Amino acid sequence: MPQQENVYILGHKNPDTDSICSAIAYADIRNRTSKGEAFIPRRAGQINEETEYVLKRFGFSQPGYMPNVGTQVKDTDIYRTPRLEKTMSIKRAWDMMKENGISTLPVVDGDGHLEGIITDNDISRVFMDTEDSLLLSNAQTQYRWIAETIRGDVRVGDENRFFTRGRVLVGTANPELLSAILEEGDMVILGDREGDQLEAVNQNVSCIVVGLNMEISDRVLALAAEKGVVVISSVLDTFTIARLINQSIPVGYVMIRDHLITFSTEDFTEDIHDTMKNSRFHAFPVLDPQGKCVGTISRRNLIDPKKKKIILVDHNEKDQAADNADNADILEIIDHHKLGSLETMTPITFRNQPVGCTCTIMYQMYGEQKLDIPPNIAGLLCSAIISDTLMFRSPTCTIFDKMAAGALALNAGVEITQLAKEMFRAGSNLGGKTQDQIFYQDFKRFTAEGDLVFGVGQISSMDEDDLRMIREKLTPFLKTESEKQRVPKVYFMLTNILEESTELIYYGQDSEKLISVAFKTQPENGAFHLPGVVSRKKQLIPAVMKAAQWMRSADYTG
């Protein structure tokens, strides 16, 4: 059965309750109505206290963290190389390369961890440059690989022992001369003469090799066993044995161990491109998060990499999207905001409705697909609608949001007012949180014509004291974040849900003037009091955009 392809569903970088809950719900819808793909909810940033409370309340874990949707090494066609261990012969490595049409093999230990790499050039160098008769013993070659390389069998001795001392010689001389040539520990390639074989064994060689499957007498075999001499019988002739035997040396003797260039399955392809381009190697080992080698990747893998498939919910702005969204394959967008700056290479399904919450659209989609909504997901959807509409006080709220929330509350078995109090209390309980954590709990960056760039954060609470504490923490912090994020103007909305008003603090060039023009008011004690303003999307942002446009026009004199 073919493996399902993953499609990731995620919201914006600083996810709110709507962003997280709509991703979970839409994954449920698509997994129940689609085949061949697995739809997985993800989050592009850290969730806030309100969302954490909602997830726990209805029995969900946080979606996995995915701040970057660019193509990773694991998204490419990693070449699953055959397993090669350092004790294996370079002949075995060479055969693997030829069988698989590759020039580089990673060398791994018994657990799959990388120990080195070997290339066809490394092996060729051994074939062409070696004149050393001590090569096999210096390389600590195992007898089983010697036998395999010369197409032989170990007749006497332990095939797992290693040839550790002595030369490799061809015994063509008569027994008298042979005894003068041989030294203890040598390996000697012999013919069928029993006298030569007995003389070699008596000289305490390490191993005798007999070609052409010639008969080896029981007398020779018994003496070899007594003296601990390995006996190998090969089907090959003496010339061929002598030519091939050096190819039995272990891969570990030849492989490259130091300064290896490896990549992780989690690396992004854009980050490794230059490293690959500037390396002399053609293929590079790939390690999984546990450090085990899963194969290799080459430059051709980056020519047309397989992009991640994603669906975006609750936004359609490039600045708010996970990093590298423009390098992903965006399949759908489901949103309730103004048209943003994201572009796609091909037409996609884009559902954008003027409602107060993306989860209201999810409620409608369950109905359109004739799917029952599980009670726990109904709780998520209801919570998101309460959050995004500030319990129906926001001007973004529509009759569709109210109807959906009422039906979902019945399904989930919750009372809307009580759930809202608990959610907003959890969301404004920021004790022990750093300025950075509070600031980015719900912060969005906006751009408009005329190079207008600004950021707006928002905290909503039913408790005036909580909002006062947050203002004291964040006012000096705005300057730091404006410079750090290179956002010329930064605003933060401290929204009182019960009073349906906002205290707006600000920092940056002309940031005060822009709000004064937008709302025809002046600040008091470093903040603007904006009665009736509770929605960033429908009240603050449009007013700021309109004011900026007017300030650029010839009619504005300052």
Protein backbone atom coordinates (compact mmCIF):
# COMPACT_ATOMS: atom_id res chain seq x y z
CA MET A 1 0.00 0.00 0.00
CA PRO A 2 1.58 3.34 -1.03
CA GLN A 3 2.51 5.72 1.78
CA GLN A 4 0.19 8.70 2.23
CA GLU A 5 1.59 12.11 1.43
CA ASN A 6 1.48 14.66 4.24
CA VAL A 7 -0.36 17.96 3.90
CA TYR A 8 0.25 20.43 6.73
CA ILE A 9 -2.45 22.85 7.90
CA LEU A 10 -1.28 25.88 9.82
CA GLY A 11 -2.07 29.47 10.71
CA HIS A 12 0.06 32.55 11.27
CA LYS A 13 3.37 33.01 13.09
CA ASN A 14 1.84 34.21 16.36
CA PRO A 15 -1.13 31.86 16.50
CA ASP A 16 -4.28 32.75 18.40
CA THR A 17 -7.08 30.41 19.41
CA ASP A 18 -8.82 30.69 16.04
CA SER A 19 -5.63 29.86 14.13
CA ILE A 20 -4.91 26.71 16.16
CA CYS A 21 -8.50 25.45 16.44
CA SER A 22 -9.29 25.95 12.76
CA ALA A 23 -6.15 23.99 11.80
CA ILE A 24 -7.21 21.08 14.02
CA ALA A 25 -10.79 21.16 12.75
CA TYR A 26 -9.89 21.39 9.08
CA ALA A 27 -7.47 18.47 9.44
CA ASP A 28 -10.37 16.45 10.85
CA ILE A 29 -12.63 17.47 7.93
CA ARG A 30 -10.08 16.63 5.26
CA ASN A 31 -8.98 13.35 6.82
CA ARG A 32 -12.62 12.21 6.87
CA THR A 33 -13.35 13.25 3.29
CA SER A 34 -10.09 12.73 1.35
CA LYS A 35 -7.99 9.72 0.35
CA GLY A 36 -4.32 9.38 -0.44
CA GLU A 37 -3.15 12.24 1.79
CA ALA A 38 -2.73 12.70 5.53
CA PHE A 39 -3.76 16.15 6.78
CA ILE A 40 -1.78 17.25 9.82
CA PRO A 41 -2.39 20.38 11.95
CA ARG A 42 0.70 22.41 12.79
CA ARG A 43 1.52 25.70 14.51
CA ALA A 44 3.94 28.31 13.18
CA GLY A 45 4.63 29.83 16.61
CA GLN A 46 4.14 29.48 20.35
CA ILE A 47 0.57 29.30 21.58
CA ASN A 48 -0.76 31.72 24.19
CA GLU A 49 -2.32 30.95 27.59
CA GLU A 50 -5.86 31.25 26.32
CA THR A 51 -5.28 28.72 23.54
CA GLU A 52 -3.42 26.41 25.90
CA TYR A 53 -6.39 26.50 28.26
CA VAL A 54 -8.83 25.72 25.44
CA LEU A 55 -6.76 22.77 24.17
CA LYS A 56 -6.48 21.26 27.64
CA ARG A 57 -10.16 21.90 28.39
CA PHE A 58 -11.23 19.84 25.38
CA GLY A 59 -8.51 17.19 25.52
CA PHE A 60 -6.13 18.18 22.72
CA SER A 61 -2.34 18.39 22.60
CA GLN A 62 -0.56 21.29 20.97
CA PRO A 63 -0.07 20.77 17.23
CA GLY A 64 3.54 20.16 16.25
CA TYR A 65 5.79 23.19 15.80
CA MET A 66 6.54 24.16 12.18
CA PRO A 67 7.99 27.69 11.96
CA ASN A 68 9.50 27.06 8.53
CA VAL A 69 7.69 25.35 5.66
CA GLY A 70 10.62 25.37 3.25
CA THR A 71 11.82 22.17 1.61
CA GLN A 72 13.89 20.01 3.94
CA VAL A 73 16.31 17.25 3.12
CA LYS A 74 13.72 14.71 4.26
CA ASP A 75 11.36 16.06 1.57
CA THR A 76 13.82 15.15 -1.18
CA ASP A 77 14.44 11.75 -2.72
CA ILE A 78 17.15 10.59 -0.33
CA TYR A 79 19.03 7.68 -1.90
CA ARG A 80 18.68 4.72 0.44
CA THR A 81 22.17 3.26 0.10
CA PRO A 82 22.92 -0.41 0.79
CA ARG A 83 24.40 -1.13 4.21
CA LEU A 84 28.20 -1.07 4.25
CA GLU A 85 30.28 -1.76 7.36
CA LYS A 86 33.97 -1.00 7.78
CA THR A 87 34.97 -4.68 8.08
CA MET A 88 33.56 -5.47 4.65
CA SER A 89 35.93 -5.69 1.68
CA ILE A 90 36.46 -2.90 -0.79
CA LYS A 91 35.49 -5.45 -3.45
CA ARG A 92 32.06 -5.72 -1.78
CA ALA A 93 31.85 -1.89 -1.70
CA TRP A 94 32.84 -1.67 -5.39
CA ASP A 95 30.20 -4.24 -6.37
CA MET A 96 27.55 -2.31 -4.41
CA MET A 97 28.48 0.89 -6.26
CA LYS A 98 28.29 -0.73 -9.67
CA GLU A 99 25.01 -2.53 -8.91
CA ASN A 100 23.39 0.71 -7.70
CA GLY A 101 25.01 3.15 -10.13
CA ILE A 102 26.55 5.31 -7.41
CA SER A 103 30.03 6.54 -6.62
CA THR A 104 29.82 7.18 -2.87
CA LEU A 105 28.80 4.94 0.02
CA PRO A 106 28.44 5.83 3.69
CA VAL A 107 30.08 3.39 6.09
CA VAL A 108 28.07 2.62 9.23
CA ASP A 109 28.45 0.66 12.46
CA GLY A 110 26.12 -2.10 13.61
CA ASP A 111 23.57 0.45 14.88
CA GLY A 112 23.57 2.46 11.68
CA HIS A 113 25.68 5.38 12.91
CA LEU A 114 28.04 6.92 10.37
CA GLU A 115 31.73 6.01 10.64
CA GLY A 116 33.02 7.31 7.31
CA ILE A 117 32.50 7.36 3.57
CA ILE A 118 34.17 5.60 0.66
CA THR A 119 34.15 6.64 -2.99
CA ASP A 120 34.99 4.80 -6.20
CA ASN A 121 38.09 7.02 -6.47
CA ASP A 122 39.32 5.76 -3.09
CA ILE A 123 38.95 2.17 -4.26
CA SER A 124 40.55 2.82 -7.66
CA ARG A 125 43.54 4.36 -5.92
CA VAL A 126 44.12 1.10 -4.03
CA PHE A 127 43.88 -0.93 -7.24
CA MET A 128 46.31 1.29 -9.13
CA ASP A 129 48.81 2.53 -6.58
CA THR A 130 49.48 -0.42 -4.28
CA GLU A 131 52.69 -2.48 -4.63
CA ASP A 132 52.91 -3.35 -0.94
CA SER A 133 52.89 -7.07 -0.15
CA LEU A 134 52.07 -6.19 3.47
CA LEU A 135 48.84 -4.39 2.52
CA LEU A 136 46.45 -7.13 3.66
CA SER A 137 48.08 -7.59 7.07
CA ASN A 138 48.52 -3.85 7.64
CA ALA A 139 44.83 -3.43 6.87
CA GLN A 140 43.88 -6.20 9.36
CA THR A 141 41.91 -8.11 6.72
CA GLN A 142 39.36 -10.71 7.79
CA TYR A 143 39.75 -14.18 6.26
CA ARG A 144 36.05 -14.38 5.36
CA TRP A 145 36.44 -11.36 3.07
CA ILE A 146 39.63 -12.73 1.54
CA ALA A 147 37.76 -15.94 0.72
CA GLU A 148 34.76 -14.08 -0.72
CA THR A 149 36.93 -11.79 -2.86
CA ILE A 150 38.77 -14.67 -4.52
CA ARG A 151 35.61 -16.80 -4.75
CA GLY A 152 36.88 -19.31 -2.25
CA ASP A 153 35.94 -21.22 0.92
CA VAL A 154 37.74 -21.47 4.22
CA ARG A 155 38.52 -25.20 4.54
CA VAL A 156 40.39 -25.00 7.84
CA GLY A 157 40.46 -22.26 10.46
CA ASP A 158 38.18 -19.51 11.70
CA GLU A 159 36.93 -17.28 8.88
CA ASN A 160 36.31 -14.47 11.37
CA ARG A 161 39.98 -14.25 12.34
CA PHE A 162 42.11 -11.43 10.88
CA PHE A 163 45.30 -11.59 8.85
CA THR A 164 47.45 -9.36 11.04
CA ARG A 165 51.12 -9.96 10.10
CA GLY A 166 53.19 -11.03 7.15
CA ARG A 167 53.31 -10.64 3.38
CA VAL A 168 51.24 -12.10 0.56
CA LEU A 169 53.44 -14.27 -1.72
CA VAL A 170 52.98 -16.60 -4.66
CA GLY A 171 54.77 -19.90 -3.94
CA THR A 172 56.18 -20.89 -7.33
CA ALA A 173 59.60 -22.04 -6.12
CA ASN A 174 60.51 -25.63 -5.21
CA PRO A 175 60.13 -26.60 -1.52
CA GLU A 176 63.78 -25.86 -0.70
CA LEU A 177 63.63 -22.33 -2.11
CA LEU A 178 60.15 -21.82 -0.69
CA SER A 179 61.39 -22.48 2.84
CA ALA A 180 64.03 -19.77 2.35
CA ILE A 181 61.51 -17.24 1.08
CA LEU A 182 58.69 -17.75 3.54
CA GLU A 183 58.54 -16.10 6.94
CA GLU A 184 56.32 -16.90 9.87
CA GLY A 185 52.90 -15.21 9.50
CA ASP A 186 52.99 -14.88 5.69
CA MET A 187 50.10 -15.77 3.39
CA VAL A 188 51.09 -17.87 0.42
CA ILE A 189 49.24 -18.70 -2.81
CA LEU A 190 50.09 -22.25 -3.90
CA GLY A 191 49.37 -24.90 -6.51
CA ASP A 192 48.45 -28.56 -5.98
CA ARG A 193 51.86 -29.86 -4.86
CA GLU A 194 51.42 -31.41 -1.46
CA GLY A 195 55.08 -30.87 -0.63
CA ASP A 196 54.77 -27.10 -1.11
CA GLN A 197 51.64 -27.03 1.01
CA LEU A 198 53.24 -29.04 3.84
CA GLU A 199 56.39 -26.90 3.74
CA ALA A 200 54.33 -23.69 4.02
CA VAL A 201 52.36 -25.05 6.97
CA ASN A 202 55.56 -26.16 8.69
CA GLN A 203 56.95 -22.64 8.22
CA ASN A 204 54.05 -21.41 10.39
CA VAL A 205 52.49 -19.21 7.74
CA SER A 206 49.17 -17.62 8.64
CA CYS A 207 47.27 -18.85 5.60
CA ILE A 208 47.69 -20.92 2.45
CA VAL A 209 45.50 -20.32 -0.61
CA VAL A 210 45.09 -23.07 -3.20
CA GLY A 211 43.58 -22.24 -6.61
CA LEU A 212 41.45 -23.99 -9.21
CA ASN A 213 39.71 -26.02 -6.49
CA MET A 214 42.70 -28.32 -6.50
CA GLU A 215 42.63 -31.19 -4.06
CA ILE A 216 44.10 -30.57 -0.64
CA SER A 217 45.05 -33.77 1.14
CA ASP A 218 43.72 -34.71 4.55
CA ARG A 219 47.32 -34.74 5.74
CA VAL A 220 47.75 -31.06 4.85
CA LEU A 221 44.40 -30.10 6.35
CA ALA A 222 45.13 -31.96 9.60
CA LEU A 223 48.56 -30.33 9.97
CA ALA A 224 47.12 -26.90 9.20
CA ALA A 225 44.44 -27.37 11.85
CA GLU A 226 47.08 -28.47 14.37
CA LYS A 227 49.27 -25.41 13.71
CA GLY A 228 46.41 -22.90 13.43
CA VAL A 229 46.99 -22.19 9.74
CA VAL A 230 43.97 -21.03 7.72
CA VAL A 231 43.41 -22.92 4.46
CA ILE A 232 41.39 -21.32 1.64
CA SER A 233 40.39 -23.13 -1.54
CA SER A 234 39.48 -20.96 -4.54
CA VAL A 235 37.96 -21.68 -7.95
CA LEU A 236 40.24 -19.07 -9.53
CA ASP A 237 43.70 -19.57 -11.03
CA THR A 238 46.85 -18.29 -9.36
CA PHE A 239 47.16 -15.18 -11.55
CA THR A 240 43.59 -14.10 -10.91
CA ILE A 241 43.87 -14.76 -7.18
CA ALA A 242 47.01 -12.63 -7.01
CA ARG A 243 45.30 -9.88 -8.98
CA LEU A 244 42.14 -9.79 -6.84
CA ILE A 245 43.37 -10.53 -3.36
CA ASN A 246 44.23 -6.92 -2.44
CA GLN A 247 40.57 -6.05 -3.03
CA SER A 248 39.72 -7.98 0.12
CA ILE A 249 41.13 -5.31 2.43
CA PRO A 250 38.49 -3.79 4.71
CA VAL A 251 36.64 -0.64 3.81
CA GLY A 252 37.74 0.85 7.13
CA TYR A 253 41.35 0.95 5.90
CA VAL A 254 40.45 3.12 2.92
CA MET A 255 37.41 5.13 4.00
CA ILE A 256 37.46 8.85 4.77
CA ARG A 257 36.89 9.44 8.48
CA ASP A 258 37.71 13.08 9.12
CA HIS A 259 36.09 16.37 8.10
CA LEU A 260 33.02 14.62 6.76
CA ILE A 261 30.27 16.79 5.33
CA THR A 262 26.93 15.44 6.47
CA PHE A 263 23.39 16.80 6.45
CA SER A 264 20.42 16.18 8.68
CA THR A 265 17.01 15.13 7.44
CA GLU A 266 15.77 18.31 9.17
CA ASP A 267 18.11 20.69 7.27
CA PHE A 268 16.52 23.07 4.79
CA THR A 269 17.74 22.68 1.24
CA GLU A 270 18.32 26.40 0.81
CA ASP A 271 20.77 26.27 3.73
CA ILE A 272 22.90 23.43 2.31
CA HIS A 273 23.06 24.49 -1.32
CA ASP A 274 26.32 26.45 -1.09
CA THR A 275 28.02 23.77 1.02
CA MET A 276 27.26 21.13 -1.60
CA LYS A 277 28.28 23.39 -4.46
CA ASN A 278 31.69 24.15 -2.93
CA SER A 279 32.54 20.56 -1.98
CA ARG A 280 34.58 18.11 -4.03
CA PHE A 281 32.21 15.30 -3.09
CA HIS A 282 29.28 14.33 -5.29
CA ALA A 283 27.11 12.75 -2.59
CA PHE A 284 26.71 13.43 1.11
CA PRO A 285 25.51 11.23 3.99
CA VAL A 286 22.14 12.13 5.53
CA LEU A 287 21.55 11.55 9.24
CA ASP A 288 18.22 11.28 10.99
CA PRO A 289 17.53 13.07 14.33
CA GLN A 290 18.98 10.06 16.19
CA GLY A 291 22.25 10.37 14.28
CA LYS A 292 21.71 7.27 12.16
CA CYS A 293 22.62 7.34 8.48
CA VAL A 294 19.57 6.96 6.24
CA GLY A 295 21.28 7.39 2.87
CA THR A 296 22.87 10.07 0.71
CA ILE A 297 21.85 13.22 -1.09
CA SER A 298 23.54 14.73 -4.15
CA ARG A 299 23.40 18.03 -5.99
CA ARG A 300 20.80 16.73 -8.42
CA ASN A 301 18.37 16.38 -5.51
CA LEU A 302 18.27 20.18 -5.30
CA ILE A 303 17.46 20.79 -8.97
CA ASP A 304 13.73 20.30 -8.53
CA PRO A 305 13.11 19.58 -4.83
CA LYS A 306 9.76 18.32 -3.69
CA LYS A 307 7.94 21.15 -1.90
CA LYS A 308 5.92 20.79 1.27
CA LYS A 309 2.19 20.83 0.71
CA ILE A 310 0.43 23.26 3.02
CA ILE A 311 -3.00 24.72 3.66
CA LEU A 312 -3.19 28.12 5.34
CA VAL A 313 -5.96 29.05 7.76
CA ASP A 314 -6.83 32.36 9.44
CA HIS A 315 -4.49 34.52 7.34
CA ASN A 316 -3.28 35.23 3.82
CA GLU A 317 -0.40 37.63 4.53
CA LYS A 318 3.17 36.76 3.56
CA ASP A 319 4.58 38.58 6.59
CA GLN A 320 2.39 36.54 8.92
CA ALA A 321 3.04 33.18 7.28
CA ALA A 322 5.58 30.61 8.42
CA ASP A 323 9.05 31.17 7.01
CA ASN A 324 9.57 30.11 3.39
CA ALA A 325 5.83 29.92 2.66
CA ASP A 326 6.60 31.21 -0.85
CA ASN A 327 8.75 28.09 -1.39
CA ALA A 328 5.97 25.73 -0.32
CA ASP A 329 3.13 24.32 -2.39
CA ILE A 330 0.10 26.20 -1.04
CA LEU A 331 -3.00 24.15 -1.82
CA GLU A 332 -5.73 26.16 -0.11
CA ILE A 333 -6.37 29.25 2.00
CA ILE A 334 -9.33 29.60 4.35
CA ASP A 335 -9.59 33.01 5.98
CA HIS A 336 -11.79 35.85 7.20
CA HIS A 337 -9.39 38.78 6.83
CA LYS A 338 -8.74 41.29 4.06
CA LEU A 339 -6.85 40.15 0.99
CA GLY A 340 -3.16 40.02 1.76
CA SER A 341 0.17 39.73 0.00
CA LEU A 342 0.57 35.98 -0.55
CA GLU A 343 1.02 34.82 -4.14
CA THR A 344 0.81 31.32 -5.61
CA MET A 345 2.21 29.85 -8.80
CA THR A 346 -1.07 28.19 -9.78
CA PRO A 347 -4.78 28.78 -9.05
CA ILE A 348 -5.86 27.42 -5.66
CA THR A 349 -9.01 27.10 -3.58
CA PHE A 350 -9.31 30.35 -1.61
CA ARG A 351 -12.28 30.65 0.72
CA ASN A 352 -12.56 34.07 2.35
CA GLN A 353 -15.74 35.11 4.14
CA PRO A 354 -16.62 38.30 6.04
CA VAL A 355 -17.30 36.61 9.36
CA GLY A 356 -15.76 37.14 12.77
CA CYS A 357 -13.80 33.89 12.97
CA THR A 358 -12.32 31.23 10.70
CA CYS A 359 -13.87 28.58 12.94
CA THR A 360 -17.30 29.86 11.90
CA ILE A 361 -16.33 28.85 8.36
CA MET A 362 -15.20 25.46 9.69
CA TYR A 363 -18.64 25.00 11.30
CA GLN A 364 -20.24 25.70 7.92
CA MET A 365 -17.90 23.26 6.17
CA TYR A 366 -18.83 20.43 8.53
CA GLY A 367 -22.44 21.04 7.51
CA GLU A 368 -21.60 21.22 3.81
CA GLN A 369 -19.77 17.89 4.03
CA LYS A 370 -22.63 16.38 6.12
CA LEU A 371 -20.17 15.46 8.88
CA ASP A 372 -21.01 15.17 12.54
CA ILE A 373 -18.85 17.47 14.66
CA PRO A 374 -17.20 15.57 17.54
CA PRO A 375 -18.07 17.28 20.88
CA ASN A 376 -14.42 18.04 21.68
CA ILE A 377 -13.90 19.74 18.31
CA ALA A 378 -17.21 21.59 18.79
CA GLY A 379 -15.69 22.94 22.02
CA LEU A 380 -12.63 24.16 20.13
CA LEU A 381 -14.70 25.88 17.44
CA CYS A 382 -16.97 27.54 19.99
CA SER A 383 -13.99 28.78 22.01
CA ALA A 384 -12.34 30.27 18.92
CA ILE A 385 -15.51 32.15 17.98
CA ILE A 386 -15.79 33.53 21.52
CA SER A 387 -12.14 34.59 21.38
CA ASP A 388 -12.14 36.22 17.95
CA THR A 389 -15.44 38.08 18.48
CA LEU A 390 -14.67 39.02 22.11
CA MET A 391 -17.83 37.18 23.13
CA PHE A 392 -19.80 38.82 20.29
CA ARG A 393 -18.74 42.38 21.24
CA SER A 394 -16.40 42.89 18.27
CA PRO A 395 -17.74 44.73 15.20
CA THR A 396 -16.40 41.78 13.18
CA CYS A 397 -19.05 39.56 14.74
CA THR A 398 -21.88 38.49 12.46
CA ILE A 399 -25.13 36.64 12.92
CA PHE A 400 -23.38 33.58 11.46
CA ASP A 401 -20.82 33.65 14.31
CA LYS A 402 -23.53 33.86 16.96
CA MET A 403 -25.57 31.07 15.41
CA ALA A 404 -22.52 28.83 15.03
CA ALA A 405 -21.34 29.46 18.61
CA GLY A 406 -24.79 28.65 20.01
CA ALA A 407 -25.03 25.36 18.13
CA LEU A 408 -21.46 24.39 18.98
CA ALA A 409 -21.96 25.17 22.69
CA LEU A 410 -24.92 22.78 22.79
CA ASN A 411 -22.86 20.08 21.04
CA ALA A 412 -19.90 20.55 23.38
CA GLY A 413 -22.04 20.82 26.50
CA VAL A 414 -20.66 24.22 27.57
CA GLU A 415 -22.20 27.52 28.68
CA ILE A 416 -20.85 30.38 26.56
CA THR A 417 -20.59 33.10 29.25
CA GLN A 418 -18.81 30.83 31.72
CA LEU A 419 -16.47 29.48 29.05
CA ALA A 420 -15.65 33.03 27.96
CA LYS A 421 -14.78 34.12 31.52
CA GLU A 422 -12.47 31.14 31.99
CA MET A 423 -10.78 31.64 28.61
CA PHE A 424 -10.18 35.37 29.00
CA ARG A 425 -8.98 34.89 32.56
CA ALA A 426 -6.45 32.32 31.36
CA GLY A 427 -5.41 34.57 28.48
CA SER A 428 -4.72 37.60 30.67
CA ASN A 429 -2.96 35.64 33.41
CA LEU A 430 0.55 36.62 32.39
CA GLY A 431 2.28 36.49 35.74
CA GLY A 432 5.87 35.31 35.37
CA LYS A 433 5.88 35.90 31.60
CA THR A 434 8.65 37.96 30.05
CA GLN A 435 8.02 41.12 28.06
CA ASP A 436 8.93 39.23 24.92
CA GLN A 437 6.43 36.45 25.62
CA ILE A 438 3.61 38.89 26.33
CA PHE A 439 4.40 41.08 23.33
CA TYR A 440 4.41 38.23 20.82
CA GLN A 441 1.40 36.42 22.26
CA ASP A 442 -0.72 38.00 19.53
CA PHE A 443 1.41 40.24 17.32
CA LYS A 444 1.04 40.79 13.57
CA ARG A 445 3.04 42.74 11.05
CA PHE A 446 1.32 44.72 8.28
CA THR A 447 2.48 46.38 5.07
CA ALA A 448 0.66 48.73 2.72
CA GLU A 449 1.24 50.92 -0.30
CA GLY A 450 3.78 53.71 0.08
CA ASP A 451 6.20 51.55 2.10
CA LEU A 452 4.01 51.66 5.20
CA VAL A 453 5.19 48.95 7.60
CA PHE A 454 3.87 48.61 11.13
CA GLY A 455 3.15 45.98 13.74
CA VAL A 456 0.19 45.58 16.08
CA GLY A 457 -0.10 43.37 19.14
CA GLN A 458 -3.19 42.85 21.25
CA ILE A 459 -4.17 41.54 24.66
CA SER A 460 -7.85 41.33 25.66
CA SER A 461 -9.00 41.02 29.25
CA MET A 462 -11.98 41.53 31.52
CA ASP A 463 -9.70 42.79 34.29
CA GLU A 464 -8.57 46.44 34.25
CA ASP A 465 -5.75 45.74 36.74
CA ASP A 466 -4.28 43.06 34.46
CA LEU A 467 -4.28 45.49 31.55
CA ARG A 468 -2.60 48.18 33.64
CA MET A 469 0.16 45.76 34.64
CA ILE A 470 0.71 44.72 31.02
CA ARG A 471 0.94 48.36 29.92
CA GLU A 472 3.66 49.05 32.50
CA LYS A 473 5.64 46.03 31.26
CA LEU A 474 5.32 46.69 27.54
CA THR A 475 5.60 50.47 27.16
CA PRO A 476 9.43 50.55 27.43
CA PHE A 477 9.64 47.32 25.43
CA LEU A 478 8.11 48.73 22.23
CA LYS A 479 11.27 50.62 21.32
CA THR A 480 13.39 47.47 21.68
CA GLU A 481 11.16 45.38 19.45
CA SER A 482 10.71 48.14 16.86
CA GLU A 483 14.48 48.25 16.35
CA LYS A 484 14.96 44.49 16.63
CA GLN A 485 12.26 43.60 14.09
CA ARG A 486 12.97 46.64 11.88
CA VAL A 487 9.36 47.74 12.13
CA PRO A 488 9.23 51.56 12.01
CA LYS A 489 5.94 51.82 13.92
CA VAL A 490 4.78 49.52 16.69
CA TYR A 491 1.39 49.56 18.44
CA PHE A 492 -0.08 47.46 21.22
CA MET A 493 -3.81 47.23 21.96
CA LEU A 494 -4.85 46.72 25.58
CA THR A 495 -8.50 45.83 25.08
CA ASN A 496 -11.02 45.84 27.90
CA ILE A 497 -13.74 43.40 26.90
CA LEU A 498 -16.35 44.57 29.41
CA GLU A 499 -15.89 48.27 28.66
CA GLU A 500 -15.48 47.59 24.93
CA SER A 501 -12.54 49.98 24.68
CA THR A 502 -8.80 49.94 23.99
CA GLU A 503 -5.78 51.69 25.43
CA LEU A 504 -3.27 51.95 22.58
CA ILE A 505 0.42 52.36 23.37
CA TYR A 506 2.84 53.14 20.56
CA TYR A 507 6.43 53.75 19.45
CA GLY A 508 8.12 54.88 16.24
CA GLN A 509 8.41 57.71 13.76
CA ASP A 510 5.04 59.40 13.21
CA SER A 511 3.33 56.59 15.13
CA GLU A 512 1.52 59.11 17.34
CA LYS A 513 0.59 61.38 14.44
CA LEU A 514 -0.85 58.46 12.46
CA ILE A 515 -3.27 57.49 15.26
CA SER A 516 -4.20 61.11 15.91
CA VAL A 517 -5.22 61.46 12.28
CA ALA A 518 -6.94 58.07 12.17
CA PHE A 519 -9.13 58.59 15.24
CA LYS A 520 -9.11 62.41 15.54
CA THR A 521 -7.90 62.32 19.10
CA GLN A 522 -4.80 63.00 21.19
CA PRO A 523 -2.91 60.73 23.57
CA GLU A 524 -2.97 61.06 27.33
CA ASN A 525 -0.01 59.90 29.42
CA GLY A 526 1.59 58.11 26.46
CA ALA A 527 -1.47 56.19 25.29
CA PHE A 528 -4.58 56.70 23.17
CA HIS A 529 -7.94 55.90 24.76
CA LEU A 530 -10.16 54.49 21.99
CA PRO A 531 -13.74 53.90 23.17
CA GLY A 532 -15.62 51.30 21.14
CA VAL A 533 -12.44 50.03 19.46
CA VAL A 534 -11.90 46.32 20.18
CA SER A 535 -11.06 44.84 16.78
CA ARG A 536 -7.60 45.06 15.29
CA LYS A 537 -8.81 43.72 11.95
CA LYS A 538 -11.96 45.73 11.40
CA GLN A 539 -11.37 48.93 13.38
CA LEU A 540 -7.70 49.72 13.98
CA ILE A 541 -6.02 48.48 10.78
CA PRO A 542 -8.47 50.05 8.28
CA ALA A 543 -8.34 53.37 10.12
CA VAL A 544 -4.52 53.37 10.15
CA MET A 545 -4.33 52.47 6.44
CA LYS A 546 -6.80 55.22 5.51
CA ALA A 547 -4.97 57.80 7.62
CA ALA A 548 -1.60 56.88 6.09
CA GLN A 549 -3.06 57.21 2.60
CA TRP A 550 -4.54 60.61 3.41
CA MET A 551 -1.28 61.82 5.01
CA ARG A 552 0.54 61.02 1.77
CA SER A 553 -1.96 62.97 -0.29
CA ALA A 554 -1.70 66.60 -1.31
CA ASP A 555 -4.63 67.47 0.96
CA TYR A 556 -2.68 66.77 4.14
CA THR A 557 -0.59 69.69 5.39
CA GLY A 558 0.50 68.24 8.71
